[in-house]
Amino acid sequence: FDAAYQGLDSIHKAREAAATNPTLNDVGRLLVVAEFAEKKQLSITRG
């Protein structure tokens, strides 16, 4: 539960950080966050 809670929080923080990155367009932000979230999801579900 701790890993899931912290992992989901880190995904939200990654989304917020990507939103402020001027080098990324909407699609780029989505892809960066999706890649990060996929790694977190795998770790969370294994736990």
All heavy atoms as atom14 arrays in JSON, in Angstrom:
{
  "sequence": "FDAAYQGLDSIHKAREAAATNPTLNDVGRLLVVAEFAEKKQLSITRG",
  "atom14_mask": [
    [1, 1, 1, 1, 1, 1, 1, 1, 1, 1, 1, 0, 0, 0],
    [1, 1, 1, 1, 1, 1, 1, 1, 0, 0, 0, 0, 0, 0],
    [1, 1, 1, 1, 1, 0, 0, 0, 0, 0, 0, 0, 0, 0],
    [1, 1, 1, 1, 1, 0, 0, 0, 0, 0, 0, 0, 0, 0],
    [1, 1, 1, 1, 1, 1, 1, 1, 1, 1, 1, 1, 0, 0],
    [1, 1, 1, 1, 1, 1, 1, 1, 1, 0, 0, 0, 0, 0],
    [1, 1, 1, 1, 0, 0, 0, 0, 0, 0, 0, 0, 0, 0],
    [1, 1, 1, 1, 1, 1, 1, 1, 0, 0, 0, 0, 0, 0],
    [1, 1, 1, 1, 1, 1, 1, 1, 0, 0, 0, 0, 0, 0],
    [1, 1, 1, 1, 1, 1, 0, 0, 0, 0, 0, 0, 0, 0],
    [1, 1, 1, 1, 1, 1, 1, 1, 0, 0, 0, 0, 0, 0],
    [1, 1, 1, 1, 1, 1, 1, 1, 1, 1, 0, 0, 0, 0],
    [1, 1, 1, 1, 1, 1, 1, 1, 1, 0, 0, 0, 0, 0],
    [1, 1, 1, 1, 1, 0, 0, 0, 0, 0, 0, 0, 0, 0],
    [1, 1, 1, 1, 1, 1, 1, 1, 1, 1, 1, 0, 0, 0],
    [1, 1, 1, 1, 1, 1, 1, 1, 1, 0, 0, 0, 0, 0],
    [1, 1, 1, 1, 1, 0, 0, 0, 0, 0, 0, 0, 0, 0],
    [1, 1, 1, 1, 1, 0, 0, 0, 0, 0, 0, 0, 0, 0],
    [1, 1, 1, 1, 1, 0, 0, 0, 0, 0, 0, 0, 0, 0],
    [1, 1, 1, 1, 1, 1, 1, 0, 0, 0, 0, 0, 0, 0],
    [1, 1, 1, 1, 1, 1, 1, 1, 0, 0, 0, 0, 0, 0],
    [1, 1, 1, 1, 1, 1, 1, 0, 0, 0, 0, 0, 0, 0],
    [1, 1, 1, 1, 1, 1, 1, 0, 0, 0, 0, 0, 0, 0],
    [1, 1, 1, 1, 1, 1, 1, 1, 0, 0, 0, 0, 0, 0],
    [1, 1, 1, 1, 1, 1, 1, 1, 0, 0, 0, 0, 0, 0],
    [1, 1, 1, 1, 1, 1, 1, 1, 0, 0, 0, 0, 0, 0],
    [1, 1, 1, 1, 1, 1, 1, 0, 0, 0, 0, 0, 0, 0],
    [1, 1, 1, 1, 0, 0, 0, 0, 0, 0, 0, 0, 0, 0],
    [1, 1, 1, 1, 1, 1, 1, 1, 1, 1, 1, 0, 0, 0],
    [1, 1, 1, 1, 1, 1, 1, 1, 0, 0, 0, 0, 0, 0],
    [1, 1, 1, 1, 1, 1, 1, 1, 0, 0, 0, 0, 0, 0],
    [1, 1, 1, 1, 1, 1, 1, 0, 0, 0, 0, 0, 0, 0],
    [1, 1, 1, 1, 1, 1, 1, 0, 0, 0, 0, 0, 0, 0],
    [1, 1, 1, 1, 1, 0, 0, 0, 0, 0, 0, 0, 0, 0],
    [1, 1, 1, 1, 1, 1, 1, 1, 1, 0, 0, 0, 0, 0],
    [1, 1, 1, 1, 1, 1, 1, 1, 1, 1, 1, 0, 0, 0],
    [1, 1, 1, 1, 1, 0, 0, 0, 0, 0, 0, 0, 0, 0],
    [1, 1, 1, 1, 1, 1, 1, 1, 1, 0, 0, 0, 0, 0],
    [1, 1, 1, 1, 1, 1, 1, 1, 1, 0, 0, 0, 0, 0],
    [1, 1, 1, 1, 1, 1, 1, 1, 1, 0, 0, 0, 0, 0],
    [1, 1, 1, 1, 1, 1, 1, 1, 1, 0, 0, 0, 0, 0],
    [1, 1, 1, 1, 1, 1, 1, 1, 0, 0, 0, 0, 0, 0],
    [1, 1, 1, 1, 1, 1, 0, 0, 0, 0, 0, 0, 0, 0],
    [1, 1, 1, 1, 1, 1, 1, 1, 0, 0, 0, 0, 0, 0],
    [1, 1, 1, 1, 1, 1, 1, 0, 0, 0, 0, 0, 0, 0],
    [1, 1, 1, 1, 1, 1, 1, 1, 1, 1, 1, 0, 0, 0],
    [1, 1, 1, 1, 0, 0, 0, 0, 0, 0, 0, 0, 0, 0]
  ],
  "atom14_positions": [
    [[0.83, -1.2, 0.0], [0.0, 0.0, 0.0], [0.87, 1.26, 0.0], [0.57, 2.23, -0.68], [-0.93, 0.01, 1.22], [-2.27, -0.62, 0.98], [-2.37, -1.94, 0.56], [-3.43, 0.1, 1.19], [-3.6, -2.53, 0.34], [-4.67, -0.48, 0.98], [-4.76, -1.8, 0.56], [0.0, 0.0, 0.0], [0.0, 0.0, 0.0], [0.0, 0.0, 0.0]],
    [[1.94, 1.23, 0.77], [2.86, 2.37, 0.82], [3.47, 2.62, -0.56], [3.52, 3.76, -1.03], [3.95, 2.13, 1.86], [4.88, 3.3, 2.02], [4.38, 4.43, 2.22], [6.1, 3.1, 1.95], [0.0, 0.0, 0.0], [0.0, 0.0, 0.0], [0.0, 0.0, 0.0], [0.0, 0.0, 0.0], [0.0, 0.0, 0.0], [0.0, 0.0, 0.0]],
    [[3.93, 1.56, -1.21], [4.53, 1.7, -2.54], [3.5, 2.2, -3.55], [3.81, 3.05, -4.4], [5.11, 0.37, -3.0], [0.0, 0.0, 0.0], [0.0, 0.0, 0.0], [0.0, 0.0, 0.0], [0.0, 0.0, 0.0], [0.0, 0.0, 0.0], [0.0, 0.0, 0.0], [0.0, 0.0, 0.0], [0.0, 0.0, 0.0], [0.0, 0.0, 0.0]],
    [[2.27, 1.7, -3.46], [1.21, 2.14, -4.38], [0.89, 3.62, -4.16], [0.78, 4.4, -5.11], [-0.04, 1.29, -4.19], [0.0, 0.0, 0.0], [0.0, 0.0, 0.0], [0.0, 0.0, 0.0], [0.0, 0.0, 0.0], [0.0, 0.0, 0.0], [0.0, 0.0, 0.0], [0.0, 0.0, 0.0], [0.0, 0.0, 0.0], [0.0, 0.0, 0.0]],
    [[0.76, 4.0, -2.91], [0.41, 5.38, -2.58], [1.51, 6.34, -3.06], [1.23, 7.33, -3.73], [0.2, 5.52, -1.07], [-0.49, 6.8, -0.68], [-1.87, 6.88, -0.7], [0.23, 7.92, -0.29], [-2.53, 8.05, -0.35], [-0.42, 9.09, 0.07], [-1.79, 9.15, 0.04], [-2.42, 10.32, 0.37], [0.0, 0.0, 0.0], [0.0, 0.0, 0.0]],
    [[2.75, 6.01, -2.75], [3.86, 6.87, -3.15], [4.05, 6.85, -4.67], [4.38, 7.88, -5.27], [5.14, 6.44, -2.44], [5.13, 6.76, -0.97], [6.45, 6.44, -0.31], [7.51, 6.64, -0.9], [6.4, 5.95, 0.91], [0.0, 0.0, 0.0], [0.0, 0.0, 0.0], [0.0, 0.0, 0.0], [0.0, 0.0, 0.0], [0.0, 0.0, 0.0]],
    [[3.85, 5.68, -5.28], [3.99, 5.58, -6.73], [2.96, 6.42, -7.46], [3.29, 7.13, -8.43], [0.0, 0.0, 0.0], [0.0, 0.0, 0.0], [0.0, 0.0, 0.0], [0.0, 0.0, 0.0], [0.0, 0.0, 0.0], [0.0, 0.0, 0.0], [0.0, 0.0, 0.0], [0.0, 0.0, 0.0], [0.0, 0.0, 0.0], [0.0, 0.0, 0.0]],
    [[1.72, 6.35, -7.02], [0.67, 7.16, -7.66], [0.93, 8.66, -7.44], [0.71, 9.47, -8.35], [-0.7, 6.76, -7.13], [-1.17, 5.38, -7.58], [-2.43, 4.97, -6.83], [-1.39, 5.34, -9.07], [0.0, 0.0, 0.0], [0.0, 0.0, 0.0], [0.0, 0.0, 0.0], [0.0, 0.0, 0.0], [0.0, 0.0, 0.0], [0.0, 0.0, 0.0]],
    [[1.4, 9.0, -6.26], [1.74, 10.4, -6.0], [2.87, 10.86, -6.93], [2.81, 11.97, -7.47], [2.14, 10.58, -4.54], [2.31, 12.04, -4.16], [1.44, 12.87, -4.52], [3.32, 12.36, -3.5], [0.0, 0.0, 0.0], [0.0, 0.0, 0.0], [0.0, 0.0, 0.0], [0.0, 0.0, 0.0], [0.0, 0.0, 0.0], [0.0, 0.0, 0.0]],
    [[3.85, 10.01, -7.16], [4.96, 10.4, -8.04], [4.49, 10.55, -9.48], [5.03, 11.38, -10.22], [6.11, 9.4, -7.93], [5.78, 8.16, -8.5], [0.0, 0.0, 0.0], [0.0, 0.0, 0.0], [0.0, 0.0, 0.0], [0.0, 0.0, 0.0], [0.0, 0.0, 0.0], [0.0, 0.0, 0.0], [0.0, 0.0, 0.0], [0.0, 0.0, 0.0]],
    [[3.5, 9.78, -9.89], [2.95, 9.93, -11.24], [2.27, 11.29, -11.38], [2.43, 11.98, -12.38], [1.98, 8.78, -11.58], [2.76, 7.47, -11.67], [1.23, 9.06, -12.88], [1.88, 6.22, -11.73], [0.0, 0.0, 0.0], [0.0, 0.0, 0.0], [0.0, 0.0, 0.0], [0.0, 0.0, 0.0], [0.0, 0.0, 0.0], [0.0, 0.0, 0.0]],
    [[1.52, 11.68, -10.37], [0.87, 13.0, -10.39], [1.93, 14.12, -10.44], [1.76, 15.11, -11.16], [-0.05, 13.18, -9.19], [-1.33, 12.43, -9.32], [-2.36, 12.83, -10.13], [-1.73, 11.27, -8.75], [-3.35, 11.98, -10.05], [-2.99, 11.02, -9.21], [0.0, 0.0, 0.0], [0.0, 0.0, 0.0], [0.0, 0.0, 0.0], [0.0, 0.0, 0.0]],
    [[2.98, 13.95, -9.68], [4.05, 14.95, -9.68], [4.76, 14.99, -11.03], [5.13, 16.08, -11.51], [5.04, 14.67, -8.56], [4.47, 14.98, -7.19], [5.43, 14.65, -6.07], [4.79, 14.98, -4.73], [5.6, 14.56, -3.6], [0.0, 0.0, 0.0], [0.0, 0.0, 0.0], [0.0, 0.0, 0.0], [0.0, 0.0, 0.0], [0.0, 0.0, 0.0]],
    [[4.93, 13.85, -11.67], [5.55, 13.8, -12.99], [4.66, 14.52, -14.01], [5.16, 15.23, -14.9], [5.79, 12.36, -13.42], [0.0, 0.0, 0.0], [0.0, 0.0, 0.0], [0.0, 0.0, 0.0], [0.0, 0.0, 0.0], [0.0, 0.0, 0.0], [0.0, 0.0, 0.0], [0.0, 0.0, 0.0], [0.0, 0.0, 0.0], [0.0, 0.0, 0.0]],
    [[3.36, 14.33, -13.89], [2.42, 15.02, -14.79], [2.51, 16.53, -14.61], [2.54, 17.29, -15.58], [0.99, 14.54, -14.52], [-0.06, 15.19, -15.42], [-1.46, 14.73, -15.09], [-1.8, 14.75, -13.68], [-2.21, 15.82, -13.02], [-2.33, 16.98, -13.63], [-2.5, 15.74, -11.74], [0.0, 0.0, 0.0], [0.0, 0.0, 0.0], [0.0, 0.0, 0.0]],
    [[2.57, 16.97, -13.36], [2.69, 18.4, -13.09], [4.0, 18.96, -13.62], [4.04, 20.06, -14.18], [2.58, 18.66, -11.59], [1.19, 18.38, -11.03], [1.16, 18.37, -9.51], [2.2, 18.58, -8.86], [0.06, 18.12, -8.96], [0.0, 0.0, 0.0], [0.0, 0.0, 0.0], [0.0, 0.0, 0.0], [0.0, 0.0, 0.0], [0.0, 0.0, 0.0]],
    [[5.09, 18.2, -13.47], [6.39, 18.64, -13.97], [6.4, 18.7, -15.49], [6.93, 19.64, -16.08], [7.49, 17.71, -13.47], [0.0, 0.0, 0.0], [0.0, 0.0, 0.0], [0.0, 0.0, 0.0], [0.0, 0.0, 0.0], [0.0, 0.0, 0.0], [0.0, 0.0, 0.0], [0.0, 0.0, 0.0], [0.0, 0.0, 0.0], [0.0, 0.0, 0.0]],
    [[5.79, 17.71, -16.13], [5.74, 17.7, -17.59], [4.92, 18.87, -18.12], [5.23, 19.42, -19.19], [5.17, 16.37, -18.09], [0.0, 0.0, 0.0], [0.0, 0.0, 0.0], [0.0, 0.0, 0.0], [0.0, 0.0, 0.0], [0.0, 0.0, 0.0], [0.0, 0.0, 0.0], [0.0, 0.0, 0.0], [0.0, 0.0, 0.0], [0.0, 0.0, 0.0]],
    [[3.89, 19.26, -17.38], [3.04, 20.37, -17.81], [3.8, 21.69, -17.86], [3.42, 22.6, -18.61], [1.83, 20.49, -16.89], [0.0, 0.0, 0.0], [0.0, 0.0, 0.0], [0.0, 0.0, 0.0], [0.0, 0.0, 0.0], [0.0, 0.0, 0.0], [0.0, 0.0, 0.0], [0.0, 0.0, 0.0], [0.0, 0.0, 0.0], [0.0, 0.0, 0.0]],
    [[4.88, 21.79, -17.1], [5.64, 23.04, -17.08], [6.88, 22.99, -17.97], [7.64, 23.95, -18.01], [6.08, 23.38, -15.64], [6.95, 22.35, -15.16], [4.88, 23.54, -14.73], [0.0, 0.0, 0.0], [0.0, 0.0, 0.0], [0.0, 0.0, 0.0], [0.0, 0.0, 0.0], [0.0, 0.0, 0.0], [0.0, 0.0, 0.0], [0.0, 0.0, 0.0]],
    [[7.07, 21.87, -18.67], [8.23, 21.73, -19.55], [7.92, 22.38, -20.9], [7.13, 21.85, -21.68], [8.57, 20.25, -19.73], [9.85, 20.04, -20.5], [10.29, 20.89, -21.27], [10.45, 18.88, -20.31], [0.0, 0.0, 0.0], [0.0, 0.0, 0.0], [0.0, 0.0, 0.0], [0.0, 0.0, 0.0], [0.0, 0.0, 0.0], [0.0, 0.0, 0.0]],
    [[8.58, 23.51, -21.21], [8.26, 24.22, -22.45], [8.76, 23.51, -23.71], [8.35, 23.87, -24.82], [8.97, 25.56, -22.27], [10.07, 25.28, -21.31], [9.59, 24.19, -20.41], [0.0, 0.0, 0.0], [0.0, 0.0, 0.0], [0.0, 0.0, 0.0], [0.0, 0.0, 0.0], [0.0, 0.0, 0.0], [0.0, 0.0, 0.0], [0.0, 0.0, 0.0]],
    [[9.62, 22.51, -23.55], [10.14, 21.8, -24.73], [9.2, 20.7, -25.21], [9.44, 20.1, -26.25], [11.52, 21.19, -24.43], [11.38, 20.2, -23.42], [12.51, 22.26, -24.0], [0.0, 0.0, 0.0], [0.0, 0.0, 0.0], [0.0, 0.0, 0.0], [0.0, 0.0, 0.0], [0.0, 0.0, 0.0], [0.0, 0.0, 0.0], [0.0, 0.0, 0.0]],
    [[8.15, 20.43, -24.45], [7.21, 19.37, -24.82], [5.87, 19.95, -25.24], [5.36, 20.88, -24.62], [6.98, 18.42, -23.63], [8.17, 17.63, -23.12], [7.79, 16.88, -21.85], [8.66, 16.66, -24.18], [0.0, 0.0, 0.0], [0.0, 0.0, 0.0], [0.0, 0.0, 0.0], [0.0, 0.0, 0.0], [0.0, 0.0, 0.0], [0.0, 0.0, 0.0]],
    [[5.3, 19.37, -26.29], [3.92, 19.72, -26.64], [2.99, 18.78, -25.89], [3.44, 17.94, -25.1], [3.71, 19.66, -28.16], [3.94, 18.27, -28.74], [3.92, 17.28, -28.03], [4.17, 18.2, -30.04], [0.0, 0.0, 0.0], [0.0, 0.0, 0.0], [0.0, 0.0, 0.0], [0.0, 0.0, 0.0], [0.0, 0.0, 0.0], [0.0, 0.0, 0.0]],
    [[1.69, 18.88, -26.12], [0.73, 18.06, -25.38], [0.98, 16.57, -25.55], [0.93, 15.8, -24.59], [-0.7, 18.39, -25.81], [-1.17, 19.75, -25.32], [-0.54, 20.29, -24.38], [-2.17, 20.26, -25.86], [0.0, 0.0, 0.0], [0.0, 0.0, 0.0], [0.0, 0.0, 0.0], [0.0, 0.0, 0.0], [0.0, 0.0, 0.0], [0.0, 0.0, 0.0]],
    [[1.27, 16.16, -26.77], [1.53, 14.74, -27.04], [2.82, 14.3, -26.35], [2.88, 13.22, -25.75], [1.59, 14.48, -28.56], [2.01, 13.04, -28.85], [0.25, 14.78, -29.21], [0.0, 0.0, 0.0], [0.0, 0.0, 0.0], [0.0, 0.0, 0.0], [0.0, 0.0, 0.0], [0.0, 0.0, 0.0], [0.0, 0.0, 0.0], [0.0, 0.0, 0.0]],
    [[3.84, 15.12, -26.41], [5.11, 14.8, -25.76], [4.95, 14.65, -24.26], [5.51, 13.73, -23.66], [0.0, 0.0, 0.0], [0.0, 0.0, 0.0], [0.0, 0.0, 0.0], [0.0, 0.0, 0.0], [0.0, 0.0, 0.0], [0.0, 0.0, 0.0], [0.0, 0.0, 0.0], [0.0, 0.0, 0.0], [0.0, 0.0, 0.0], [0.0, 0.0, 0.0]],
    [[4.18, 15.56, -23.65], [3.93, 15.47, -22.21], [3.2, 14.17, -21.87], [3.55, 13.49, -20.92], [3.11, 16.67, -21.74], [3.9, 17.95, -21.63], [3.1, 19.04, -20.96], [2.2, 19.72, -21.88], [2.55, 20.71, -22.69], [3.79, 21.16, -22.7], [1.68, 21.28, -23.49], [0.0, 0.0, 0.0], [0.0, 0.0, 0.0], [0.0, 0.0, 0.0]],
    [[2.22, 13.85, -22.67], [1.45, 12.63, -22.45], [2.35, 11.39, -22.54], [2.28, 10.49, -21.7], [0.31, 12.53, -23.46], [-0.6, 11.33, -23.34], [-1.36, 11.35, -22.02], [-1.56, 11.29, -24.51], [0.0, 0.0, 0.0], [0.0, 0.0, 0.0], [0.0, 0.0, 0.0], [0.0, 0.0, 0.0], [0.0, 0.0, 0.0], [0.0, 0.0, 0.0]],
    [[3.22, 11.36, -23.53], [4.1, 10.21, -23.71], [5.12, 10.07, -22.58], [5.38, 8.97, -22.1], [4.82, 10.3, -25.06], [3.93, 10.1, -26.29], [4.73, 10.36, -27.56], [3.32, 8.72, -26.3], [0.0, 0.0, 0.0], [0.0, 0.0, 0.0], [0.0, 0.0, 0.0], [0.0, 0.0, 0.0], [0.0, 0.0, 0.0], [0.0, 0.0, 0.0]],
    [[5.68, 11.19, -22.14], [6.66, 11.15, -21.05], [6.01, 10.63, -19.77], [6.56, 9.76, -19.09], [7.28, 12.55, -20.83], [8.02, 12.62, -19.52], [8.19, 12.91, -21.99], [0.0, 0.0, 0.0], [0.0, 0.0, 0.0], [0.0, 0.0, 0.0], [0.0, 0.0, 0.0], [0.0, 0.0, 0.0], [0.0, 0.0, 0.0], [0.0, 0.0, 0.0]],
    [[4.84, 11.15, -19.46], [4.15, 10.72, -18.24], [3.68, 9.27, -18.37], [3.78, 8.5, -17.41], [2.98, 11.67, -17.91], [2.17, 11.16, -16.72], [3.5, 13.07, -17.65], [0.0, 0.0, 0.0], [0.0, 0.0, 0.0], [0.0, 0.0, 0.0], [0.0, 0.0, 0.0], [0.0, 0.0, 0.0], [0.0, 0.0, 0.0], [0.0, 0.0, 0.0]],
    [[3.2, 8.89, -19.54], [2.74, 7.51, -19.74], [3.88, 6.52, -19.57], [3.7, 5.46, -18.95], [2.12, 7.36, -21.12], [0.0, 0.0, 0.0], [0.0, 0.0, 0.0], [0.0, 0.0, 0.0], [0.0, 0.0, 0.0], [0.0, 0.0, 0.0], [0.0, 0.0, 0.0], [0.0, 0.0, 0.0], [0.0, 0.0, 0.0], [0.0, 0.0, 0.0]],
    [[5.05, 6.84, -20.07], [6.21, 5.95, -19.92], [6.6, 5.82, -18.45], [6.85, 4.72, -17.95], [7.38, 6.49, -20.73], [8.59, 5.59, -20.69], [9.74, 6.12, -21.54], [9.53, 7.02, -22.36], [10.86, 5.61, -21.36], [0.0, 0.0, 0.0], [0.0, 0.0, 0.0], [0.0, 0.0, 0.0], [0.0, 0.0, 0.0], [0.0, 0.0, 0.0]],
    [[6.61, 6.94, -17.75], [6.93, 6.92, -16.33], [5.88, 6.12, -15.56], [6.2, 5.3, -14.7], [7.01, 8.37, -15.8], [7.3, 8.46, -14.34], [8.58, 8.27, -13.86], [6.29, 8.75, -13.44], [8.85, 8.36, -12.5], [6.54, 8.85, -12.08], [7.83, 8.65, -11.61], [0.0, 0.0, 0.0], [0.0, 0.0, 0.0], [0.0, 0.0, 0.0]],
    [[4.61, 6.37, -15.87], [3.51, 5.69, -15.17], [3.52, 4.19, -15.42], [3.22, 3.4, -14.51], [2.17, 6.29, -15.59], [0.0, 0.0, 0.0], [0.0, 0.0, 0.0], [0.0, 0.0, 0.0], [0.0, 0.0, 0.0], [0.0, 0.0, 0.0], [0.0, 0.0, 0.0], [0.0, 0.0, 0.0], [0.0, 0.0, 0.0], [0.0, 0.0, 0.0]],
    [[3.89, 3.8, -16.61], [3.93, 2.36, -16.92], [4.95, 1.65, -16.05], [4.68, 0.56, -15.53], [4.26, 2.16, -18.4], [4.24, 0.71, -18.82], [4.51, 0.53, -20.31], [4.96, 1.48, -20.98], [4.26, -0.58, -20.8], [0.0, 0.0, 0.0], [0.0, 0.0, 0.0], [0.0, 0.0, 0.0], [0.0, 0.0, 0.0], [0.0, 0.0, 0.0]],
    [[6.11, 2.26, -15.87], [7.14, 1.66, -15.01], [6.65, 1.57, -13.56], [6.85, 0.57, -12.88], [8.43, 2.47, -15.09], [9.11, 2.37, -16.43], [10.32, 3.27, -16.49], [10.91, 3.27, -17.9], [11.99, 4.24, -18.03], [0.0, 0.0, 0.0], [0.0, 0.0, 0.0], [0.0, 0.0, 0.0], [0.0, 0.0, 0.0], [0.0, 0.0, 0.0]],
    [[6.03, 2.64, -13.1], [5.52, 2.65, -11.73], [4.42, 1.61, -11.55], [4.37, 0.9, -10.55], [4.98, 4.03, -11.35], [6.04, 5.06, -11.12], [6.81, 4.73, -9.87], [7.89, 5.74, -9.61], [8.66, 5.41, -8.42], [0.0, 0.0, 0.0], [0.0, 0.0, 0.0], [0.0, 0.0, 0.0], [0.0, 0.0, 0.0], [0.0, 0.0, 0.0]],
    [[3.54, 1.52, -12.55], [2.43, 0.58, -12.46], [2.94, -0.85, -12.35], [2.44, -1.64, -11.55], [1.51, 0.7, -13.67], [0.37, -0.28, -13.65], [-0.48, -0.25, -14.91], [-0.14, 0.4, -15.89], [-1.59, -0.96, -14.88], [0.0, 0.0, 0.0], [0.0, 0.0, 0.0], [0.0, 0.0, 0.0], [0.0, 0.0, 0.0], [0.0, 0.0, 0.0]],
    [[3.95, -1.19, -13.12], [4.51, -2.53, -13.08], [5.05, -2.85, -11.68], [4.79, -3.91, -11.12], [5.61, -2.68, -14.13], [6.24, -4.05, -14.28], [5.19, -5.1, -14.63], [7.32, -4.01, -15.34], [0.0, 0.0, 0.0], [0.0, 0.0, 0.0], [0.0, 0.0, 0.0], [0.0, 0.0, 0.0], [0.0, 0.0, 0.0], [0.0, 0.0, 0.0]],
    [[5.77, -1.89, -11.11], [6.32, -2.08, -9.77], [5.21, -2.2, -8.73], [5.26, -3.06, -7.84], [7.24, -0.9, -9.43], [7.67, -0.96, -8.11], [0.0, 0.0, 0.0], [0.0, 0.0, 0.0], [0.0, 0.0, 0.0], [0.0, 0.0, 0.0], [0.0, 0.0, 0.0], [0.0, 0.0, 0.0], [0.0, 0.0, 0.0], [0.0, 0.0, 0.0]],
    [[4.21, -1.35, -8.84], [3.08, -1.36, -7.89], [2.32, -2.68, -7.96], [2.03, -3.3, -6.93], [2.14, -0.16, -8.14], [2.83, 1.15, -7.75], [0.83, -0.33, -7.39], [2.11, 2.39, -8.25], [0.0, 0.0, 0.0], [0.0, 0.0, 0.0], [0.0, 0.0, 0.0], [0.0, 0.0, 0.0], [0.0, 0.0, 0.0], [0.0, 0.0, 0.0]],
    [[1.99, -3.12, -9.16], [1.2, -4.34, -9.28], [1.99, -5.57, -8.82], [1.41, -6.49, -8.25], [0.68, -4.55, -10.72], [1.77, -4.5, -11.65], [-0.33, -3.47, -11.08], [0.0, 0.0, 0.0], [0.0, 0.0, 0.0], [0.0, 0.0, 0.0], [0.0, 0.0, 0.0], [0.0, 0.0, 0.0], [0.0, 0.0, 0.0], [0.0, 0.0, 0.0]],
    [[3.29, -5.58, -9.07], [4.11, -6.69, -8.57], [4.09, -6.73, -7.04], [3.99, -7.79, -6.43], [5.54, -6.56, -9.06], [5.72, -6.99, -10.49], [7.17, -6.91, -10.9], [7.31, -7.31, -12.29], [8.35, -7.02, -13.04], [9.36, -6.32, -12.54], [8.4, -7.41, -14.29], [0.0, 0.0, 0.0], [0.0, 0.0, 0.0], [0.0, 0.0, 0.0]],
    [[4.19, -5.56, -6.42], [4.15, -5.49, -4.96], [2.83, -5.95, -4.4], [2.78, -6.68, -3.39], [0.0, 0.0, 0.0], [0.0, 0.0, 0.0], [0.0, 0.0, 0.0], [0.0, 0.0, 0.0], [0.0, 0.0, 0.0], [0.0, 0.0, 0.0], [0.0, 0.0, 0.0], [0.0, 0.0, 0.0], [0.0, 0.0, 0.0], [0.0, 0.0, 0.0]]
  ]
}
